[in-house]
Amino acid sequence: MGFELVGFDSGRWHTWTCLGGLVADVYRATGVQPGSWGLIQDEQEARRAPQWLTESGLGDPKVFLWAAALLTDVAQATLQTEE
């Protein structure tokens, strides 16, 4: 389906869309923005965006490391492999 940027702090996961302004900050700095379903569609962009976000330090002060999580539709993937 696409990639979501996530960061972990004190036992809780955050996404870049739930922390105000991060999507706009990442877009201005890297040109990366969410597409379908609010997810990043390109893997290279999905790798570049969390790297910049981690280095910038703009995420929630407790989130020091950001990563791109690939979200898949397991039911759809299963159907495709059975064909």
PDB file of N, CA and C in Angstrom:
ATOM      1  N   MET A   1       0.820  -1.199   0.000  1.00  0.00           N
ATOM      2  CA  MET A   1       0.000   0.000   0.000  1.00  0.00           C
ATOM      3  C   MET A   1       0.862   1.260   0.000  1.00  0.00           C
ATOM      4  N   GLY A   2       1.972   1.218   0.734  1.00  0.00           N
ATOM      5  CA  GLY A   2       2.854   2.373   0.798  1.00  0.00           C
ATOM      6  C   GLY A   2       3.604   2.395   2.117  1.00  0.00           C
ATOM      7  N   PHE A   3       4.353   3.465   2.330  1.00  0.00           N
ATOM      8  CA  PHE A   3       5.197   3.604   3.511  1.00  0.00           C
ATOM      9  C   PHE A   3       4.676   4.711   4.427  1.00  0.00           C
ATOM     10  N   GLU A   4       4.763   4.478   5.729  1.00  0.00           N
ATOM     11  CA  GLU A   4       4.413   5.467   6.750  1.00  0.00           C
ATOM     12  C   GLU A   4       5.668   5.744   7.567  1.00  0.00           C
ATOM     13  N   LEU A   5       5.934   7.017   7.849  1.00  0.00           N
ATOM     14  CA  LEU A   5       7.069   7.360   8.696  1.00  0.00           C
ATOM     15  C   LEU A   5       6.649   7.226  10.148  1.00  0.00           C
ATOM     16  N   VAL A   6       7.427   6.467  10.909  1.00  0.00           N
ATOM     17  CA  VAL A   6       7.111   6.230  12.315  1.00  0.00           C
ATOM     18  C   VAL A   6       8.332   6.475  13.183  1.00  0.00           C
ATOM     19  N   GLY A   7       8.073   6.909  14.407  1.00  0.00           N
ATOM     20  CA  GLY A   7       9.118   7.110  15.398  1.00  0.00           C
ATOM     21  C   GLY A   7       8.622   6.590  16.732  1.00  0.00           C
ATOM     22  N   PHE A   8       9.526   6.111  17.561  1.00  0.00           N
ATOM     23  CA  PHE A   8       9.168   5.492  18.833  1.00  0.00           C
ATOM     24  C   PHE A   8       9.719   6.316  19.985  1.00  0.00           C
ATOM     25  N   ASP A   9       8.897   6.531  21.009  1.00  0.00           N
ATOM     26  CA  ASP A   9       9.389   7.176  22.221  1.00  0.00           C
ATOM     27  C   ASP A   9       8.616   6.674  23.435  1.00  0.00           C
ATOM     28  N   SER A  10       9.299   6.419  24.480  1.00  0.00           N
ATOM     29  CA  SER A  10       8.706   6.058  25.776  1.00  0.00           C
ATOM     30  C   SER A  10       7.528   5.082  25.673  1.00  0.00           C
ATOM     31  N   GLY A  11       7.679   4.043  24.888  1.00  0.00           N
ATOM     32  CA  GLY A  11       6.637   3.029  24.801  1.00  0.00           C
ATOM     33  C   GLY A  11       5.502   3.346  23.849  1.00  0.00           C
ATOM     34  N   ARG A  12       5.620   4.404  23.064  1.00  0.00           N
ATOM     35  CA  ARG A  12       4.542   4.784  22.136  1.00  0.00           C
ATOM     36  C   ARG A  12       5.110   5.054  20.745  1.00  0.00           C
ATOM     37  N   TRP A  13       4.354   4.651  19.739  1.00  0.00           N
ATOM     38  CA  TRP A  13       4.704   4.941  18.351  1.00  0.00           C
ATOM     39  C   TRP A  13       4.001   6.211  17.915  1.00  0.00           C
ATOM     40  N   HIS A  14       4.680   6.980  17.093  1.00  0.00           N
ATOM     41  CA  HIS A  14       4.103   8.193  16.502  1.00  0.00           C
ATOM     42  C   HIS A  14       4.268   8.095  14.990  1.00  0.00           C
ATOM     43  N   THR A  15       3.367   8.723  14.266  1.00  0.00           N
ATOM     44  CA  THR A  15       3.546   8.838  12.820  1.00  0.00           C
ATOM     45  C   THR A  15       3.820  10.301  12.498  1.00  0.00           C
ATOM     46  N   TRP A  16       4.407  10.521  11.357  1.00  0.00           N
ATOM     47  CA  TRP A  16       4.724  11.893  10.963  1.00  0.00           C
ATOM     48  C   TRP A  16       3.466  12.702  10.732  1.00  0.00           C
ATOM     49  N   THR A  17       2.347  12.047  10.457  1.00  0.00           N
ATOM     50  CA  THR A  17       1.102  12.778  10.222  1.00  0.00           C
ATOM     51  C   THR A  17       0.408  13.162  11.531  1.00  0.00           C
ATOM     52  N   CYS A  18       0.733  12.495  12.635  1.00  0.00           N
ATOM     53  CA  CYS A  18       0.061  12.821  13.901  1.00  0.00           C
ATOM     54  C   CYS A  18       0.779  13.915  14.673  1.00  0.00           C
ATOM     55  N   LEU A  19       2.009  14.199  14.329  1.00  0.00           N
ATOM     56  CA  LEU A  19       2.748  15.267  14.995  1.00  0.00           C
ATOM     57  C   LEU A  19       2.723  16.500  14.099  1.00  0.00           C
ATOM     58  N   GLY A  20       2.013  17.501  14.520  1.00  0.00           N
ATOM     59  CA  GLY A  20       1.728  18.698  13.734  1.00  0.00           C
ATOM     60  C   GLY A  20       2.882  19.278  12.949  1.00  0.00           C
ATOM     61  N   GLY A  21       2.663  19.482  11.672  1.00  0.00           N
ATOM     62  CA  GLY A  21       3.597  20.174  10.814  1.00  0.00           C
ATOM     63  C   GLY A  21       4.718  19.353  10.215  1.00  0.00           C
ATOM     64  N   LEU A  22       4.881  18.102  10.625  1.00  0.00           N
ATOM     65  CA  LEU A  22       6.020  17.334  10.119  1.00  0.00           C
ATOM     66  C   LEU A  22       5.902  17.021   8.631  1.00  0.00           C
ATOM     67  N   VAL A  23       4.703  16.751   8.154  1.00  0.00           N
ATOM     68  CA  VAL A  23       4.533  16.461   6.730  1.00  0.00           C
ATOM     69  C   VAL A  23       4.977  17.658   5.904  1.00  0.00           C
ATOM     70  N   ALA A  24       4.568  18.847   6.308  1.00  0.00           N
ATOM     71  CA  ALA A  24       4.955  20.064   5.582  1.00  0.00           C
ATOM     72  C   ALA A  24       6.456  20.312   5.683  1.00  0.00           C
ATOM     73  N   ASP A  25       7.032  20.086   6.863  1.00  0.00           N
ATOM     74  CA  ASP A  25       8.482  20.271   7.034  1.00  0.00           C
ATOM     75  C   ASP A  25       9.270  19.334   6.127  1.00  0.00           C
ATOM     76  N   VAL A  26       8.879  18.060   6.103  1.00  0.00           N
ATOM     77  CA  VAL A  26       9.559  17.074   5.260  1.00  0.00           C
ATOM     78  C   VAL A  26       9.398  17.442   3.789  1.00  0.00           C
ATOM     79  N   TYR A  27       8.210  17.855   3.392  1.00  0.00           N
ATOM     80  CA  TYR A  27       7.973  18.233   1.992  1.00  0.00           C
ATOM     81  C   TYR A  27       8.857  19.413   1.590  1.00  0.00           C
ATOM     82  N   ARG A  28       8.894  20.453   2.428  1.00  0.00           N
ATOM     83  CA  ARG A  28       9.714  21.630   2.096  1.00  0.00           C
ATOM     84  C   ARG A  28      11.189  21.269   1.970  1.00  0.00           C
ATOM     85  N   ALA A  29      11.673  20.374   2.815  1.00  0.00           N
ATOM     86  CA  ALA A  29      13.101  20.035   2.819  1.00  0.00           C
ATOM     87  C   ALA A  29      13.488  18.996   1.780  1.00  0.00           C
ATOM     88  N   THR A  30      12.579  18.051   1.495  1.00  0.00           N
ATOM     89  CA  THR A  30      12.952  16.917   0.629  1.00  0.00           C
ATOM     90  C   THR A  30      12.079  16.754  -0.604  1.00  0.00           C
ATOM     91  N   GLY A  31      10.917  17.390  -0.624  1.00  0.00           N
ATOM     92  CA  GLY A  31       9.977  17.205  -1.728  1.00  0.00           C
ATOM     93  C   GLY A  31       9.115  15.959  -1.562  1.00  0.00           C
ATOM     94  N   VAL A  32       9.317  15.206  -0.478  1.00  0.00           N
ATOM     95  CA  VAL A  32       8.554  13.976  -0.236  1.00  0.00           C
ATOM     96  C   VAL A  32       7.234  14.338   0.436  1.00  0.00           C
ATOM     97  N   GLN A  33       6.157  13.764  -0.086  1.00  0.00           N
ATOM     98  CA  GLN A  33       4.844  13.976   0.515  1.00  0.00           C
ATOM     99  C   GLN A  33       4.011  12.708   0.387  1.00  0.00           C
ATOM    100  N   PRO A  34       3.006  12.571   1.246  1.00  0.00           N
ATOM    101  CA  PRO A  34       2.166  11.375   1.178  1.00  0.00           C
ATOM    102  C   PRO A  34       1.320  11.381  -0.085  1.00  0.00           C
ATOM    103  N   GLY A  35       1.020  10.173  -0.554  1.00  0.00           N
ATOM    104  CA  GLY A  35       0.149  10.011  -1.718  1.00  0.00           C
ATOM    105  C   GLY A  35      -1.113   9.288  -1.297  1.00  0.00           C
ATOM    106  N   SER A  36      -1.438   8.221  -1.989  1.00  0.00           N
ATOM    107  CA  SER A  36      -2.635   7.431  -1.710  1.00  0.00           C
ATOM    108  C   SER A  36      -2.661   6.971  -0.261  1.00  0.00           C
ATOM    109  N   TRP A  37      -3.807   7.061   0.342  1.00  0.00           N
ATOM    110  CA  TRP A  37      -4.033   6.644   1.732  1.00  0.00           C
ATOM    111  C   TRP A  37      -3.124   7.389   2.715  1.00  0.00           C
ATOM    112  N   GLY A  38      -2.544   8.513   2.297  1.00  0.00           N
ATOM    113  CA  GLY A  38      -1.650   9.259   3.171  1.00  0.00           C
ATOM    114  C   GLY A  38      -0.286   8.620   3.322  1.00  0.00           C
ATOM    115  N   LEU A  39       0.057   7.717   2.410  1.00  0.00           N
ATOM    116  CA  LEU A  39       1.317   6.978   2.486  1.00  0.00           C
ATOM    117  C   LEU A  39       2.266   7.406   1.374  1.00  0.00           C
ATOM    118  N   ILE A  40       3.562   7.237   1.615  1.00  0.00           N
ATOM    119  CA  ILE A  40       4.575   7.504   0.599  1.00  0.00           C
ATOM    120  C   ILE A  40       4.620   6.295  -0.326  1.00  0.00           C
ATOM    121  N   GLN A  41       4.559   6.548  -1.617  1.00  0.00           N
ATOM    122  CA  GLN A  41       4.485   5.457  -2.582  1.00  0.00           C
ATOM    123  C   GLN A  41       5.845   4.966  -3.072  1.00  0.00           C
ATOM    124  N   ASP A  42       6.839   5.827  -3.091  1.00  0.00           N
ATOM    125  CA  ASP A  42       8.153   5.487  -3.634  1.00  0.00           C
ATOM    126  C   ASP A  42       9.111   5.059  -2.512  1.00  0.00           C
ATOM    127  N   GLU A  43       9.762   3.915  -2.649  1.00  0.00           N
ATOM    128  CA  GLU A  43      10.640   3.410  -1.599  1.00  0.00           C
ATOM    129  C   GLU A  43      11.848   4.313  -1.362  1.00  0.00           C
ATOM    130  N   GLN A  44      12.436   4.861  -2.420  1.00  0.00           N
ATOM    131  CA  GLN A  44      13.589   5.749  -2.247  1.00  0.00           C
ATOM    132  C   GLN A  44      13.205   6.986  -1.450  1.00  0.00           C
ATOM    133  N   GLU A  45      12.034   7.564  -1.758  1.00  0.00           N
ATOM    134  CA  GLU A  45      11.555   8.716  -1.004  1.00  0.00           C
ATOM    135  C   GLU A  45      11.260   8.325   0.442  1.00  0.00           C
ATOM    136  N   ALA A  46      10.709   7.120   0.607  1.00  0.00           N
ATOM    137  CA  ALA A  46      10.369   6.638   1.947  1.00  0.00           C
ATOM    138  C   ALA A  46      11.623   6.436   2.793  1.00  0.00           C
ATOM    139  N   ARG A  47      12.734   6.187   2.188  1.00  0.00           N
ATOM    140  CA  ARG A  47      13.991   6.047   2.933  1.00  0.00           C
ATOM    141  C   ARG A  47      14.638   7.410   3.197  1.00  0.00           C
ATOM    142  N   ARG A  48      14.505   8.312   2.226  1.00  0.00           N
ATOM    143  CA  ARG A  48      15.114   9.639   2.353  1.00  0.00           C
ATOM    144  C   ARG A  48      14.405  10.494   3.409  1.00  0.00           C
ATOM    145  N   ALA A  49      13.092  10.427   3.468  1.00  0.00           N
ATOM    146  CA  ALA A  49      12.320  11.289   4.372  1.00  0.00           C
ATOM    147  C   ALA A  49      12.613  11.045   5.850  1.00  0.00           C
ATOM    148  N   PRO A  50      12.606   9.801   6.350  1.00  0.00           N
ATOM    149  CA  PRO A  50      12.900   9.632   7.777  1.00  0.00           C
ATOM    150  C   PRO A  50      14.354   9.945   8.119  1.00  0.00           C
ATOM    151  N   GLN A  51      15.244   9.746   7.157  1.00  0.00           N
ATOM    152  CA  GLN A  51      16.647  10.100   7.395  1.00  0.00           C
ATOM    153  C   GLN A  51      16.752  11.601   7.650  1.00  0.00           C
ATOM    154  N   TRP A  52      16.104  12.398   6.789  1.00  0.00           N
ATOM    155  CA  TRP A  52      16.125  13.844   6.981  1.00  0.00           C
ATOM    156  C   TRP A  52      15.440  14.219   8.295  1.00  0.00           C
ATOM    157  N   LEU A  53      14.289  13.593   8.586  1.00  0.00           N
ATOM    158  CA  LEU A  53      13.542  13.917   9.796  1.00  0.00           C
ATOM    159  C   LEU A  53      14.362  13.607  11.052  1.00  0.00           C
ATOM    160  N   THR A  54      15.063  12.495  11.062  1.00  0.00           N
ATOM    161  CA  THR A  54      15.923  12.147  12.192  1.00  0.00           C
ATOM    162  C   THR A  54      17.052  13.169  12.334  1.00  0.00           C
ATOM    163  N   GLU A  55      17.710  13.490  11.222  1.00  0.00           N
ATOM    164  CA  GLU A  55      18.838  14.422  11.264  1.00  0.00           C
ATOM    165  C   GLU A  55      18.413  15.838  11.644  1.00  0.00           C
ATOM    166  N   SER A  56      17.196  16.245  11.239  1.00  0.00           N
ATOM    167  CA  SER A  56      16.729  17.604  11.502  1.00  0.00           C
ATOM    168  C   SER A  56      16.382  17.828  12.969  1.00  0.00           C
ATOM    169  N   GLY A  57      15.966  16.744  13.665  1.00  0.00           N
ATOM    170  CA  GLY A  57      15.551  16.884  15.052  1.00  0.00           C
ATOM    171  C   GLY A  57      14.215  17.577  15.225  1.00  0.00           C
ATOM    172  N   LEU A  58      13.433  17.691  14.155  1.00  0.00           N
ATOM    173  CA  LEU A  58      12.162  18.407  14.228  1.00  0.00           C
ATOM    174  C   LEU A  58      11.005  17.585  14.785  1.00  0.00           C
ATOM    175  N   GLY A  59      11.188  16.272  14.914  1.00  0.00           N
ATOM    176  CA  GLY A  59      10.115  15.443  15.457  1.00  0.00           C
ATOM    177  C   GLY A  59       9.888  15.745  16.923  1.00  0.00           C
ATOM    178  N   ASP A  60       8.904  15.118  17.496  1.00  0.00           N
ATOM    179  CA  ASP A  60       8.655  15.238  18.930  1.00  0.00           C
ATOM    180  C   ASP A  60      10.000  15.117  19.643  1.00  0.00           C
ATOM    181  N   PRO A  61      10.279  15.958  20.634  1.00  0.00           N
ATOM    182  CA  PRO A  61      11.604  15.941  21.280  1.00  0.00           C
ATOM    183  C   PRO A  61      12.046  14.575  21.783  1.00  0.00           C
ATOM    184  N   LYS A  62      11.116  13.689  22.069  1.00  0.00           N
ATOM    185  CA  LYS A  62      11.479  12.367  22.564  1.00  0.00           C
ATOM    186  C   LYS A  62      11.749  11.380  21.437  1.00  0.00           C
ATOM    187  N   VAL A  63      11.380  11.726  20.203  1.00  0.00           N
ATOM    188  CA  VAL A  63      11.571  10.822  19.063  1.00  0.00           C
ATOM    189  C   VAL A  63      12.880  11.187  18.390  1.00  0.00           C
ATOM    190  N   PHE A  64      13.887  10.358  18.607  1.00  0.00           N
ATOM    191  CA  PHE A  64      15.204  10.630  18.042  1.00  0.00           C
ATOM    192  C   PHE A  64      15.442   9.901  16.729  1.00  0.00           C
ATOM    193  N   LEU A  65      14.713   8.823  16.503  1.00  0.00           N
ATOM    194  CA  LEU A  65      14.945   8.009  15.317  1.00  0.00           C
ATOM    195  C   LEU A  65      13.628   7.753  14.597  1.00  0.00           C
ATOM    196  N   TRP A  66      13.606   8.068  13.318  1.00  0.00           N
ATOM    197  CA  TRP A  66      12.432   7.832  12.470  1.00  0.00           C
ATOM    198  C   TRP A  66      12.764   6.757  11.452  1.00  0.00           C
ATOM    199  N   ALA A  67      11.756   6.007  11.043  1.00  0.00           N
ATOM    200  CA  ALA A  67      11.930   4.934  10.061  1.00  0.00           C
ATOM    201  C   ALA A  67      10.708   4.888   9.158  1.00  0.00           C
ATOM    202  N   ALA A  68      10.876   4.252   8.013  1.00  0.00           N
ATOM    203  CA  ALA A  68       9.764   4.050   7.080  1.00  0.00           C
ATOM    204  C   ALA A  68       9.227   2.638   7.268  1.00  0.00           C
ATOM    205  N   ALA A  69       7.958   2.537   7.592  1.00  0.00           N
ATOM    206  CA  ALA A  69       7.311   1.236   7.764  1.00  0.00           C
ATOM    207  C   ALA A  69       6.467   0.950   6.528  1.00  0.00           C
ATOM    208  N   LEU A  70       6.670  -0.208   5.924  1.00  0.00           N
ATOM    209  CA  LEU A  70       5.896  -0.610   4.756  1.00  0.00           C
ATOM    210  C   LEU A  70       4.577  -1.214   5.226  1.00  0.00           C
ATOM    211  N   LEU A  71       3.482  -0.644   4.774  1.00  0.00           N
ATOM    212  CA  LEU A  71       2.155  -1.160   5.101  1.00  0.00           C
ATOM    213  C   LEU A  71       1.638  -1.960   3.915  1.00  0.00           C
ATOM    214  N   THR A  72       1.190  -3.162   4.181  1.00  0.00           N
ATOM    215  CA  THR A  72       0.681  -4.024   3.118  1.00  0.00           C
ATOM    216  C   THR A  72      -0.716  -4.517   3.459  1.00  0.00           C
ATOM    217  N   ASP A  73      -1.436  -4.893   2.450  1.00  0.00           N
ATOM    218  CA  ASP A  73      -2.751  -5.506   2.615  1.00  0.00           C
ATOM    219  C   ASP A  73      -2.524  -7.008   2.511  1.00  0.00           C
ATOM    220  N   VAL A  74      -2.466  -7.679   3.646  1.00  0.00           N
ATOM    221  CA  VAL A  74      -2.134  -9.104   3.681  1.00  0.00           C
ATOM    222  C   VAL A  74      -3.140  -9.923   2.884  1.00  0.00           C
ATOM    223  N   ALA A  75      -4.412  -9.615   2.994  1.00  0.00           N
ATOM    224  CA  ALA A  75      -5.442 -10.363   2.259  1.00  0.00           C
ATOM    225  C   ALA A  75      -5.206 -10.234   0.748  1.00  0.00           C
ATOM    226  N   GLN A  76      -4.906  -9.041   0.279  1.00  0.00           N
ATOM    227  CA  GLN A  76      -4.668  -8.825  -1.152  1.00  0.00           C
ATOM    228  C   GLN A  76      -3.397  -9.545  -1.587  1.00  0.00           C
ATOM    229  N   ALA A  77      -2.359  -9.485  -0.784  1.00  0.00           N
ATOM    230  CA  ALA A  77      -1.101 -10.147  -1.105  1.00  0.00           C
ATOM    231  C   ALA A  77      -1.300 -11.660  -1.187  1.00  0.00           C
ATOM    232  N   THR A  78      -2.094 -12.217  -0.301  1.00  0.00           N
ATOM    233  CA  THR A  78      -2.382 -13.654  -0.305  1.00  0.00           C
ATOM    234  C   THR A  78      -3.128 -14.046  -1.554  1.00  0.00           C
ATOM    235  N   LEU A  79      -4.094 -13.244  -1.945  1.00  0.00           N
ATOM    236  CA  LEU A  79      -4.857 -13.540  -3.159  1.00  0.00           C
ATOM    237  C   LEU A  79      -3.957 -13.537  -4.388  1.00  0.00           C
ATOM    238  N   GLN A  80      -3.029 -12.589  -4.450  1.00  0.00           N
ATOM    239  CA  GLN A  80      -2.139 -12.488  -5.611  1.00  0.00           C
ATOM    240  C   GLN A  80      -1.198 -13.676  -5.690  1.00  0.00           C
ATOM    241  N   THR A  81      -0.732 -14.189  -4.575  1.00  0.00           N
ATOM    242  CA  THR A  81       0.201 -15.312  -4.612  1.00  0.00           C
ATOM    243  C   THR A  81      -0.511 -16.625  -4.900  1.00  0.00           C
ATOM    244  N   GLU A  82      -1.810 -16.679  -4.679  1.00  0.00           N
ATOM    245  CA  GLU A  82      -2.564 -17.915  -4.943  1.00  0.00           C
ATOM    246  C   GLU A  82      -2.993 -18.035  -6.398  1.00  0.00           C
ATOM    247  N   GLU A  83      -2.887 -16.959  -7.156  1.00  0.00           N
ATOM    248  CA  GLU A  83      -3.341 -17.000  -8.560  1.00  0.00           C
ATOM    249  C   GLU A  83      -2.377 -17.694  -9.461  1.00  0.00           C
TER     250      GLU A  83
END
